[in-house]
C-alpha atoms as a PDB file:
ATOM      1  CA  UNK A   1     247.040 271.892  28.132  1.00  0.00           C
ATOM      2  CA  UNK A   2     248.216 275.265  26.821  1.00  0.00           C
ATOM      3  CA  UNK A   3     249.011 278.173  29.123  1.00  0.00           C
ATOM      4  CA  UNK A   4     248.734 281.886  28.232  1.00  0.00           C
ATOM      5  CA  UNK A   5     252.507 282.269  28.110  1.00  0.00           C
ATOM      6  CA  UNK A   6     252.625 279.559  25.426  1.00  0.00           C
ATOM      7  CA  UNK A   7     251.289 282.208  23.009  1.00  0.00           C
ATOM      8  CA  UNK A   8     254.574 284.056  23.448  1.00  0.00           C
ATOM      9  CA  UNK A   9     256.680 281.423  21.737  1.00  0.00           C
ATOM     10  CA  UNK A  10     256.917 283.487  18.538  1.00  0.00           C
ATOM     11  CA  UNK A  11     256.854 286.909  20.179  1.00  0.00           C
ATOM     12  CA  UNK A  12     259.855 289.084  20.990  1.00  0.00           C
ATOM     13  CA  UNK A  13     260.222 291.289  24.067  1.00  0.00           C
ATOM     14  CA  UNK A  14     260.135 294.315  21.790  1.00  0.00           C
ATOM     15  CA  UNK A  15     256.816 293.224  20.257  1.00  0.00           C
ATOM     16  CA  UNK A  16     255.333 292.698  23.731  1.00  0.00           C
ATOM     17  CA  UNK A  17     256.433 296.130  24.891  1.00  0.00           C
ATOM     18  CA  UNK A  18     255.268 297.880  21.702  1.00  0.00           C
ATOM     19  CA  UNK A  19     251.873 296.203  21.955  1.00  0.00           C
ATOM     20  CA  UNK A  20     251.575 297.285  25.590  1.00  0.00           C
ATOM     21  CA  UNK A  21     252.544 300.868  24.708  1.00  0.00           C
ATOM     22  CA  UNK A  22     249.819 300.900  22.043  1.00  0.00           C
ATOM     23  CA  UNK A  23     247.300 299.660  24.600  1.00  0.00           C
ATOM     24  CA  UNK A  24     248.350 302.390  27.046  1.00  0.00           C
ATOM     25  CA  UNK A  25     247.807 304.975  24.291  1.00  0.00           C
ATOM     26  CA  UNK A  26     244.323 303.583  23.730  1.00  0.00           C
ATOM     27  CA  UNK A  27     243.624 303.904  27.464  1.00  0.00           C
ATOM     28  CA  UNK A  28     244.725 307.544  27.420  1.00  0.00           C
ATOM     29  CA  UNK A  29     242.269 308.279  24.600  1.00  0.00           C
ATOM     30  CA  UNK A  30     239.435 306.171  26.008  1.00  0.00           C
ATOM     31  CA  UNK A  31     236.262 307.298  27.758  1.00  0.00           C
ATOM     32  CA  UNK A  32     236.966 307.355  31.519  1.00  0.00           C
ATOM     33  CA  UNK A  33     233.211 307.131  32.201  1.00  0.00           C
ATOM     34  CA  UNK A  34     232.951 303.850  30.283  1.00  0.00           C
ATOM     35  CA  UNK A  35     236.149 301.864  30.943  1.00  0.00           C
ATOM     36  CA  UNK A  36     236.970 298.419  29.655  1.00  0.00           C
ATOM     37  CA  UNK A  37     236.721 295.824  32.449  1.00  0.00           C
ATOM     38  CA  UNK A  38     238.578 292.662  33.384  1.00  0.00           C
ATOM     39  CA  UNK A  39     236.580 289.882  35.051  1.00  0.00           C
ATOM     40  CA  UNK A  40     238.239 287.481  37.426  1.00  0.00           C
ATOM     41  CA  UNK A  41     236.110 284.910  39.238  1.00  0.00           C
ATOM     42  CA  UNK A  42     233.296 287.008  40.763  1.00  0.00           C
ATOM     43  CA  UNK A  43     235.183 290.312  40.565  1.00  0.00           C
ATOM     44  CA  UNK A  44     235.064 292.907  37.802  1.00  0.00           C
ATOM     45  CA  UNK A  45     237.953 295.380  37.699  1.00  0.00           C
ATOM     46  CA  UNK A  46     237.684 298.523  35.571  1.00  0.00           C
ATOM     47  CA  UNK A  47     240.847 299.085  33.526  1.00  0.00           C
ATOM     48  CA  UNK A  48     242.186 302.623  33.765  1.00  0.00           C
ATOM     49  CA  UNK A  49     245.480 304.477  33.823  1.00  0.00           C
ATOM     50  CA  UNK A  50     245.304 304.513  37.623  1.00  0.00           C
ATOM     51  CA  UNK A  51     245.556 300.727  37.977  1.00  0.00           C
ATOM     52  CA  UNK A  52     247.716 299.758  34.975  1.00  0.00           C
ATOM     53  CA  UNK A  53     251.487 300.025  34.813  1.00  0.00           C
ATOM     54  CA  UNK A  54     254.681 298.480  33.557  1.00  0.00           C
ATOM     55  CA  UNK A  55     256.550 295.969  35.682  1.00  0.00           C
ATOM     56  CA  UNK A  56     259.990 294.512  35.019  1.00  0.00           C
ATOM     57  CA  UNK A  57     259.845 291.083  33.463  1.00  0.00           C
ATOM     58  CA  UNK A  58     263.046 289.915  35.170  1.00  0.00           C
ATOM     59  CA  UNK A  59     263.130 291.286  38.704  1.00  0.00           C
ATOM     60  CA  UNK A  60     265.070 294.526  38.957  1.00  0.00           C
ATOM     61  CA  UNK A  61     266.125 294.561  35.300  1.00  0.00           C
ATOM     62  CA  UNK A  62     264.168 297.514  33.852  1.00  0.00           C
ATOM     63  CA  UNK A  63     265.167 296.866  30.233  1.00  0.00           C
ATOM     64  CA  UNK A  64     262.304 294.448  29.542  1.00  0.00           C
ATOM     65  CA  UNK A  65     258.859 295.231  30.925  1.00  0.00           C
ATOM     66  CA  UNK A  66     255.296 293.987  30.625  1.00  0.00           C
ATOM     67  CA  UNK A  67     252.021 295.727  31.335  1.00  0.00           C
ATOM     68  CA  UNK A  68     250.102 294.657  34.424  1.00  0.00           C
ATOM     69  CA  UNK A  69     246.651 295.343  35.849  1.00  0.00           C
ATOM     70  CA  UNK A  70     246.687 295.882  39.592  1.00  0.00           C
ATOM     71  CA  UNK A  71     243.993 295.152  42.150  1.00  0.00           C
ATOM     72  CA  UNK A  72     242.075 298.316  43.120  1.00  0.00           C
ATOM     73  CA  UNK A  73     242.542 297.651  46.834  1.00  0.00           C
ATOM     74  CA  UNK A  74     246.239 296.696  46.599  1.00  0.00           C
ATOM     75  CA  UNK A  75     248.481 298.551  44.162  1.00  0.00           C
ATOM     76  CA  UNK A  76     251.224 295.946  44.636  1.00  0.00           C
ATOM     77  CA  UNK A  77     249.142 292.942  43.553  1.00  0.00           C
ATOM     78  CA  UNK A  78     249.019 292.285  39.821  1.00  0.00           C
ATOM     79  CA  UNK A  79     245.836 290.464  38.792  1.00  0.00           C
ATOM     80  CA  UNK A  80     246.480 290.294  35.037  1.00  0.00           C
ATOM     81  CA  UNK A  81     249.233 290.787  32.477  1.00  0.00           C
ATOM     82  CA  UNK A  82     248.866 292.244  28.995  1.00  0.00           C
ATOM     83  CA  UNK A  83     250.451 289.715  26.651  1.00  0.00           C
ATOM     84  CA  UNK A  84     250.097 289.231  22.888  1.00  0.00           C
ATOM     85  CA  UNK A  85     247.447 291.978  22.527  1.00  0.00           C
ATOM     86  CA  UNK A  86     245.283 290.465  25.274  1.00  0.00           C
END
């Protein structure tokens, strides 16, 4: 069984970060009245600049980061990660 992180086998940290930066740019230019949504079980979370942010990939080391979607009710709980343009 393949896991989402298995897609990263041929992907560098720089490519991940650049892809995430591009996605953030798209969010900045998007229509705030019609946001993209992420569905998880029975919950749909609108994706916006207010609930998306970069988190360090390796604890406190800020040199390598990935983009995360946070739960609307808890800004410390990541519900999804942006990896390999997804």
